[in-house]
Amino acid sequence: MNKKENKDIYNVHEESGLKGYVRLALLAVAAAVYHQPWLFITLYCLYTALDALDGFLARAFKQTSAFGAWFDVVIDLTGRGMLWTSLSKWGYFIMVIEWLTFVCTHCRGPKWKIPDENFPLICRLVMENGFKNPMGAFAISGIFMLPVWVYVLQSGLALTLGLSDVVQQGVLLLLVVGRILAFFSELFYIHQHIKGLINEETASTLRVKPGA
């Protein structure tokens, strides 16, 4: 690897880190104004939109990196964790599942989004083409948008916007269903990871000679 390639890799990592720190700064300010609904939702949406824009530009200009992808997910989980745990005690359970899933998928490498034939049908449908399908979009919307919508309902923003009960509960129901859909895939990855650890440990034990 020559000096130019080393410099290019360093620049990609530096840019990924800088954008990540900007998102973390937005998140910190948003957390500080949590009880000011309009300001909070504006900052949180900006924090989320910056992630989407960054990902799009990184893919468009082929500046993706393993570190950038990892750091983005960590920041995503940190943001949703802040929001979920502020909204409900059940938020802790949801975030434990999300962090466990992150650990399990990260251990599978960059191709974790490609389902195997032994995946349950629901997981294959959700993950087809790297989540770029109707069911995948539905599940991802549940992950990202459900806590935001719950905040909109709890903070009174929905009433301020004049949304009817039908709209409020209808959107909530759709997002809950999408989140449950994602939950099935998360549990599958966690189960597969634990199963792999147990099988590896069993195989290692069997290789040990008696009396060794």
C-alpha atoms as a PDB file:
ATOM      1  CA  MET A   1       0.000   0.000   0.000  1.00  0.00           C
ATOM      2  CA  ASN A   2       1.534   3.321  -1.085  1.00  0.00           C
ATOM      3  CA  LYS A   3       1.455   6.675   0.694  1.00  0.00           C
ATOM      4  CA  LYS A   4      -1.406   7.990  -1.474  1.00  0.00           C
ATOM      5  CA  GLU A   5      -3.624   5.005  -0.583  1.00  0.00           C
ATOM      6  CA  ASN A   6      -2.765   5.415   3.100  1.00  0.00           C
ATOM      7  CA  LYS A   7      -3.663   9.114   2.897  1.00  0.00           C
ATOM      8  CA  ASP A   8      -6.963   8.363   1.130  1.00  0.00           C
ATOM      9  CA  ILE A   9      -7.934   5.828   3.785  1.00  0.00           C
ATOM     10  CA  TYR A  10      -6.992   8.281   6.541  1.00  0.00           C
ATOM     11  CA  ASN A  11      -9.073  11.015   4.906  1.00  0.00           C
ATOM     12  CA  VAL A  12     -12.126   8.733   4.661  1.00  0.00           C
ATOM     13  CA  HIS A  13     -11.781   7.796   8.330  1.00  0.00           C
ATOM     14  CA  GLU A  14     -11.258  11.436   9.330  1.00  0.00           C
ATOM     15  CA  GLU A  15     -14.348  12.575   7.400  1.00  0.00           C
ATOM     16  CA  SER A  16     -16.451   9.744   8.855  1.00  0.00           C
ATOM     17  CA  GLY A  17     -15.319  10.666  12.348  1.00  0.00           C
ATOM     18  CA  LEU A  18     -15.955  14.375  11.852  1.00  0.00           C
ATOM     19  CA  LYS A  19     -19.493  13.821  10.546  1.00  0.00           C
ATOM     20  CA  GLY A  20     -20.125  11.437  13.393  1.00  0.00           C
ATOM     21  CA  TYR A  21     -19.004  14.001  15.964  1.00  0.00           C
ATOM     22  CA  VAL A  22     -21.318  16.583  14.401  1.00  0.00           C
ATOM     23  CA  ARG A  23     -24.218  14.135  14.776  1.00  0.00           C
ATOM     24  CA  LEU A  24     -23.241  13.441  18.391  1.00  0.00           C
ATOM     25  CA  ALA A  25     -23.148  17.179  19.082  1.00  0.00           C
ATOM     26  CA  LEU A  26     -26.655  17.571  17.629  1.00  0.00           C
ATOM     27  CA  LEU A  27     -27.813  14.656  19.735  1.00  0.00           C
ATOM     28  CA  ALA A  28     -26.334  16.156  22.905  1.00  0.00           C
ATOM     29  CA  VAL A  29     -28.103  19.465  22.301  1.00  0.00           C
ATOM     30  CA  ALA A  30     -31.338  17.631  21.494  1.00  0.00           C
ATOM     31  CA  ALA A  31     -31.108  15.700  24.756  1.00  0.00           C
ATOM     32  CA  ALA A  32     -30.623  18.972  26.642  1.00  0.00           C
ATOM     33  CA  VAL A  33     -33.857  20.403  25.183  1.00  0.00           C
ATOM     34  CA  TYR A  34     -35.849  17.169  25.427  1.00  0.00           C
ATOM     35  CA  HIS A  35     -38.753  18.958  27.138  1.00  0.00           C
ATOM     36  CA  GLN A  36     -39.028  21.575  24.388  1.00  0.00           C
ATOM     37  CA  PRO A  37     -40.838  19.484  21.755  1.00  0.00           C
ATOM     38  CA  TRP A  38     -40.434  21.634  18.648  1.00  0.00           C
ATOM     39  CA  LEU A  39     -36.746  22.302  19.240  1.00  0.00           C
ATOM     40  CA  PHE A  40     -36.038  18.710  20.198  1.00  0.00           C
ATOM     41  CA  ILE A  41     -37.820  17.161  17.215  1.00  0.00           C
ATOM     42  CA  THR A  42     -36.081  19.596  14.843  1.00  0.00           C
ATOM     43  CA  LEU A  43     -32.623  18.746  16.174  1.00  0.00           C
ATOM     44  CA  TYR A  44     -33.334  15.018  16.323  1.00  0.00           C
ATOM     45  CA  CYS A  45     -34.654  14.956  12.768  1.00  0.00           C
ATOM     46  CA  LEU A  46     -31.584  16.920  11.627  1.00  0.00           C
ATOM     47  CA  TYR A  47     -29.367  14.403  13.414  1.00  0.00           C
ATOM     48  CA  THR A  48     -31.173  11.563  11.596  1.00  0.00           C
ATOM     49  CA  ALA A  49     -31.247  13.303   8.215  1.00  0.00           C
ATOM     50  CA  LEU A  50     -27.501  13.951   8.391  1.00  0.00           C
ATOM     51  CA  ASP A  51     -26.942  10.219   8.721  1.00  0.00           C
ATOM     52  CA  ALA A  52     -29.082   9.474   5.655  1.00  0.00           C
ATOM     53  CA  LEU A  53     -27.355  12.196   3.614  1.00  0.00           C
ATOM     54  CA  ASP A  54     -23.909  11.062   4.723  1.00  0.00           C
ATOM     55  CA  GLY A  55     -24.661   7.461   3.774  1.00  0.00           C
ATOM     56  CA  PHE A  56     -26.009   8.468   0.377  1.00  0.00           C
ATOM     57  CA  LEU A  57     -22.988  10.643  -0.438  1.00  0.00           C
ATOM     58  CA  ALA A  58     -20.536   8.012   0.814  1.00  0.00           C
ATOM     59  CA  ARG A  59     -22.025   5.396  -1.499  1.00  0.00           C
ATOM     60  CA  ALA A  60     -22.327   7.828  -4.415  1.00  0.00           C
ATOM     61  CA  PHE A  61     -18.659   8.855  -4.224  1.00  0.00           C
ATOM     62  CA  LYS A  62     -17.476   5.388  -3.116  1.00  0.00           C
ATOM     63  CA  GLN A  63     -16.047   6.661   0.149  1.00  0.00           C
ATOM     64  CA  THR A  64     -17.500   3.986   2.392  1.00  0.00           C
ATOM     65  CA  SER A  65     -15.323   2.401   5.058  1.00  0.00           C
ATOM     66  CA  ALA A  66     -15.692  -0.296   7.684  1.00  0.00           C
ATOM     67  CA  PHE A  67     -14.980   2.238  10.421  1.00  0.00           C
ATOM     68  CA  GLY A  68     -17.533   4.704   9.052  1.00  0.00           C
ATOM     69  CA  ALA A  69     -20.234   2.038   8.847  1.00  0.00           C
ATOM     70  CA  TRP A  70     -19.476   0.854  12.388  1.00  0.00           C
ATOM     71  CA  PHE A  71     -19.359   4.383  13.819  1.00  0.00           C
ATOM     72  CA  ASP A  72     -22.640   5.348  12.138  1.00  0.00           C
ATOM     73  CA  VAL A  73     -24.468   2.402  13.695  1.00  0.00           C
ATOM     74  CA  VAL A  74     -23.005   3.164  17.128  1.00  0.00           C
ATOM     75  CA  ILE A  75     -24.252   6.754  16.843  1.00  0.00           C
ATOM     76  CA  ASP A  76     -27.667   5.564  15.607  1.00  0.00           C
ATOM     77  CA  LEU A  77     -27.999   3.241  18.585  1.00  0.00           C
ATOM     78  CA  THR A  78     -26.850   5.954  20.984  1.00  0.00           C
ATOM     79  CA  GLY A  79     -29.495   8.332  19.660  1.00  0.00           C
ATOM     80  CA  ARG A  80     -32.342   5.825  19.726  1.00  0.00           C
ATOM     81  CA  GLY A  81     -31.186   4.679  23.142  1.00  0.00           C
ATOM     82  CA  MET A  82     -31.401   8.207  24.489  1.00  0.00           C
ATOM     83  CA  LEU A  83     -34.891   8.628  23.060  1.00  0.00           C
ATOM     84  CA  TRP A  84     -36.307   5.215  23.960  1.00  0.00           C
ATOM     85  CA  THR A  85     -35.048   5.247  27.551  1.00  0.00           C
ATOM     86  CA  SER A  86     -36.483   8.745  28.018  1.00  0.00           C
ATOM     87  CA  LEU A  87     -39.869   7.633  26.719  1.00  0.00           C
ATOM     88  CA  SER A  88     -40.404   4.394  28.611  1.00  0.00           C
ATOM     89  CA  LYS A  89     -38.794   1.846  30.887  1.00  0.00           C
ATOM     90  CA  TRP A  90     -39.444  -0.658  28.078  1.00  0.00           C
ATOM     91  CA  GLY A  91     -36.982   1.370  26.046  1.00  0.00           C
ATOM     92  CA  TYR A  92     -34.141  -0.319  27.908  1.00  0.00           C
ATOM     93  CA  PHE A  93     -35.333  -3.741  26.727  1.00  0.00           C
ATOM     94  CA  ILE A  94     -35.654  -2.535  23.131  1.00  0.00           C
ATOM     95  CA  MET A  95     -32.146  -1.100  23.152  1.00  0.00           C
ATOM     96  CA  VAL A  96     -30.635  -4.229  24.689  1.00  0.00           C
ATOM     97  CA  ILE A  97     -32.060  -6.175  21.743  1.00  0.00           C
ATOM     98  CA  GLU A  98     -30.722  -3.609  19.260  1.00  0.00           C
ATOM     99  CA  TRP A  99     -27.217  -3.596  20.773  1.00  0.00           C
ATOM    100  CA  LEU A 100     -27.120  -7.402  20.907  1.00  0.00           C
ATOM    101  CA  THR A 101     -28.184  -7.541  17.267  1.00  0.00           C
ATOM    102  CA  PHE A 102     -25.436  -5.088  16.348  1.00  0.00           C
ATOM    103  CA  VAL A 103     -22.828  -7.269  18.052  1.00  0.00           C
ATOM    104  CA  CYS A 104     -24.151 -10.405  16.349  1.00  0.00           C
ATOM    105  CA  THR A 105     -24.377  -8.923  12.859  1.00  0.00           C
ATOM    106  CA  HIS A 106     -20.991  -7.219  13.144  1.00  0.00           C
ATOM    107  CA  CYS A 107     -19.397 -10.583  13.920  1.00  0.00           C
ATOM    108  CA  ARG A 108     -20.768 -11.946  10.637  1.00  0.00           C
ATOM    109  CA  GLY A 109     -18.831  -9.388   8.597  1.00  0.00           C
ATOM    110  CA  PRO A 110     -19.932  -6.983   5.869  1.00  0.00           C
ATOM    111  CA  LYS A 111     -22.170  -9.573   4.173  1.00  0.00           C
ATOM    112  CA  TRP A 112     -24.503  -9.959   7.138  1.00  0.00           C
ATOM    113  CA  LYS A 113     -27.374  -8.417   5.151  1.00  0.00           C
ATOM    114  CA  ILE A 114     -27.312 -11.296   2.667  1.00  0.00           C
ATOM    115  CA  PRO A 115     -29.698 -13.980   3.996  1.00  0.00           C
ATOM    116  CA  ASP A 116     -28.840 -17.667   3.721  1.00  0.00           C
ATOM    117  CA  GLU A 117     -31.255 -20.342   2.562  1.00  0.00           C
ATOM    118  CA  ASN A 118     -31.693 -21.524   6.152  1.00  0.00           C
ATOM    119  CA  PHE A 119     -33.058 -18.140   7.224  1.00  0.00           C
ATOM    120  CA  PRO A 120     -36.759 -18.129   8.174  1.00  0.00           C
ATOM    121  CA  LEU A 121     -39.047 -16.908   5.414  1.00  0.00           C
ATOM    122  CA  ILE A 122     -39.938 -13.717   7.258  1.00  0.00           C
ATOM    123  CA  CYS A 123     -36.246 -12.817   7.614  1.00  0.00           C
ATOM    124  CA  ARG A 124     -35.548 -13.499   3.948  1.00  0.00           C
ATOM    125  CA  LEU A 125     -38.480 -11.314   2.924  1.00  0.00           C
ATOM    126  CA  VAL A 126     -37.401  -8.461   5.185  1.00  0.00           C
ATOM    127  CA  MET A 127     -33.728  -8.641   4.187  1.00  0.00           C
ATOM    128  CA  GLU A 128     -34.164  -9.246   0.465  1.00  0.00           C
ATOM    129  CA  ASN A 129     -31.884  -6.958  -1.554  1.00  0.00           C
ATOM    130  CA  GLY A 130     -30.348  -5.517   1.607  1.00  0.00           C
ATOM    131  CA  PHE A 131     -33.678  -4.345   3.089  1.00  0.00           C
ATOM    132  CA  LYS A 132     -34.439  -2.499  -0.182  1.00  0.00           C
ATOM    133  CA  ASN A 133     -37.932  -3.920  -0.577  1.00  0.00           C
ATOM    134  CA  PRO A 134     -41.405  -3.049   0.828  1.00  0.00           C
ATOM    135  CA  MET A 135     -41.159  -5.329   3.879  1.00  0.00           C
ATOM    136  CA  GLY A 136     -37.599  -4.237   4.571  1.00  0.00           C
ATOM    137  CA  ALA A 137     -38.572  -0.571   4.376  1.00  0.00           C
ATOM    138  CA  PHE A 138     -41.539  -1.296   6.653  1.00  0.00           C
ATOM    139  CA  ALA A 139     -39.293  -2.926   9.258  1.00  0.00           C
ATOM    140  CA  ILE A 140     -36.626  -0.195   9.079  1.00  0.00           C
ATOM    141  CA  SER A 141     -39.344   2.469   9.455  1.00  0.00           C
ATOM    142  CA  GLY A 142     -40.485   0.736  12.622  1.00  0.00           C
ATOM    143  CA  ILE A 143     -36.959   0.805  14.043  1.00  0.00           C
ATOM    144  CA  PHE A 144     -36.206   4.440  13.248  1.00  0.00           C
ATOM    145  CA  MET A 145     -39.609   6.131  13.338  1.00  0.00           C
ATOM    146  CA  LEU A 146     -41.484   4.412  16.175  1.00  0.00           C
ATOM    147  CA  PRO A 147     -39.610   6.186  19.011  1.00  0.00           C
ATOM    148  CA  VAL A 148     -39.965   9.508  17.183  1.00  0.00           C
ATOM    149  CA  TRP A 149     -43.704   9.017  16.761  1.00  0.00           C
ATOM    150  CA  VAL A 150     -44.130   7.991  20.400  1.00  0.00           C
ATOM    151  CA  TYR A 151     -42.350  11.214  21.356  1.00  0.00           C
ATOM    152  CA  VAL A 152     -44.683  13.202  19.088  1.00  0.00           C
ATOM    153  CA  LEU A 153     -47.669  11.632  20.862  1.00  0.00           C
ATOM    154  CA  GLN A 154     -46.319  11.961  24.410  1.00  0.00           C
ATOM    155  CA  SER A 155     -45.092  15.542  24.001  1.00  0.00           C
ATOM    156  CA  GLY A 156     -48.409  16.774  22.649  1.00  0.00           C
ATOM    157  CA  LEU A 157     -47.029  17.703  19.237  1.00  0.00           C
ATOM    158  CA  ALA A 158     -49.661  15.542  17.574  1.00  0.00           C
ATOM    159  CA  LEU A 159     -52.414  17.622  19.180  1.00  0.00           C
ATOM    160  CA  THR A 160     -50.616  20.841  18.311  1.00  0.00           C
ATOM    161  CA  LEU A 161     -50.525  19.715  14.685  1.00  0.00           C
ATOM    162  CA  GLY A 162     -54.240  18.958  14.856  1.00  0.00           C
ATOM    163  CA  LEU A 163     -53.871  15.256  14.047  1.00  0.00           C
ATOM    164  CA  SER A 164     -56.999  13.214  14.718  1.00  0.00           C
ATOM    165  CA  ASP A 165     -57.012  10.190  17.019  1.00  0.00           C
ATOM    166  CA  VAL A 166     -57.464   7.948  13.995  1.00  0.00           C
ATOM    167  CA  VAL A 167     -54.274   9.282  12.391  1.00  0.00           C
ATOM    168  CA  GLN A 168     -52.327   9.166  15.646  1.00  0.00           C
ATOM    169  CA  GLN A 169     -53.260   5.588  16.485  1.00  0.00           C
ATOM    170  CA  GLY A 170     -53.166   4.418  12.876  1.00  0.00           C
ATOM    171  CA  VAL A 171     -49.575   5.571  12.363  1.00  0.00           C
ATOM    172  CA  LEU A 172     -48.636   4.153  15.760  1.00  0.00           C
ATOM    173  CA  LEU A 173     -50.102   0.760  14.859  1.00  0.00           C
ATOM    174  CA  LEU A 174     -48.256   0.631  11.528  1.00  0.00           C
ATOM    175  CA  LEU A 175     -44.939   1.515  13.138  1.00  0.00           C
ATOM    176  CA  VAL A 176     -45.446  -1.031  15.924  1.00  0.00           C
ATOM    177  CA  VAL A 177     -46.120  -3.757  13.358  1.00  0.00           C
ATOM    178  CA  GLY A 178     -42.996  -2.721  11.458  1.00  0.00           C
ATOM    179  CA  ARG A 179     -40.947  -2.804  14.668  1.00  0.00           C
ATOM    180  CA  ILE A 180     -42.243  -6.284  15.510  1.00  0.00           C
ATOM    181  CA  LEU A 181     -41.276  -7.414  12.019  1.00  0.00           C
ATOM    182  CA  ALA A 182     -37.739  -6.191  12.629  1.00  0.00           C
ATOM    183  CA  PHE A 183     -37.800  -7.789  16.086  1.00  0.00           C
ATOM    184  CA  PHE A 184     -38.203 -11.262  14.563  1.00  0.00           C
ATOM    185  CA  SER A 185     -35.089 -10.748  12.438  1.00  0.00           C
ATOM    186  CA  GLU A 186     -33.148  -9.411  15.423  1.00  0.00           C
ATOM    187  CA  LEU A 187     -34.037 -12.434  17.542  1.00  0.00           C
ATOM    188  CA  PHE A 188     -32.995 -14.753  14.721  1.00  0.00           C
ATOM    189  CA  TYR A 189     -29.541 -13.166  14.490  1.00  0.00           C
ATOM    190  CA  ILE A 190     -29.097 -13.308  18.261  1.00  0.00           C
ATOM    191  CA  HIS A 191     -30.185 -16.962  18.295  1.00  0.00           C
ATOM    192  CA  GLN A 192     -27.800 -17.821  15.440  1.00  0.00           C
ATOM    193  CA  HIS A 193     -24.917 -16.080  17.180  1.00  0.00           C
ATOM    194  CA  ILE A 194     -25.499 -17.894  20.463  1.00  0.00           C
ATOM    195  CA  LYS A 195     -25.915 -21.186  18.607  1.00  0.00           C
ATOM    196  CA  GLY A 196     -22.606 -20.612  16.816  1.00  0.00           C
ATOM    197  CA  LEU A 197     -20.813 -19.879  20.099  1.00  0.00           C
ATOM    198  CA  ILE A 198     -22.194 -23.045  21.692  1.00  0.00           C
ATOM    199  CA  ASN A 199     -21.278 -25.181  18.660  1.00  0.00           C
ATOM    200  CA  GLU A 200     -17.780 -23.718  18.600  1.00  0.00           C
ATOM    201  CA  GLU A 201     -17.307 -24.399  22.289  1.00  0.00           C
ATOM    202  CA  THR A 202     -18.635 -27.961  21.913  1.00  0.00           C
ATOM    203  CA  ALA A 203     -16.338 -28.659  18.965  1.00  0.00           C
ATOM    204  CA  SER A 204     -13.386 -27.262  20.908  1.00  0.00           C
ATOM    205  CA  THR A 205     -14.196 -29.509  23.873  1.00  0.00           C
ATOM    206  CA  LEU A 206     -14.462 -32.599  21.681  1.00  0.00           C
ATOM    207  CA  ARG A 207     -11.049 -31.893  20.175  1.00  0.00           C
ATOM    208  CA  VAL A 208      -9.447 -32.010  23.589  1.00  0.00           C
ATOM    209  CA  LYS A 209      -7.991 -35.458  24.193  1.00  0.00           C
ATOM    210  CA  PRO A 210      -9.117 -37.315  27.314  1.00  0.00           C
ATOM    211  CA  GLY A 211      -6.693 -36.790  30.162  1.00  0.00           C
ATOM    212  CA  ALA A 212      -5.116 -33.789  28.484  1.00  0.00           C
END
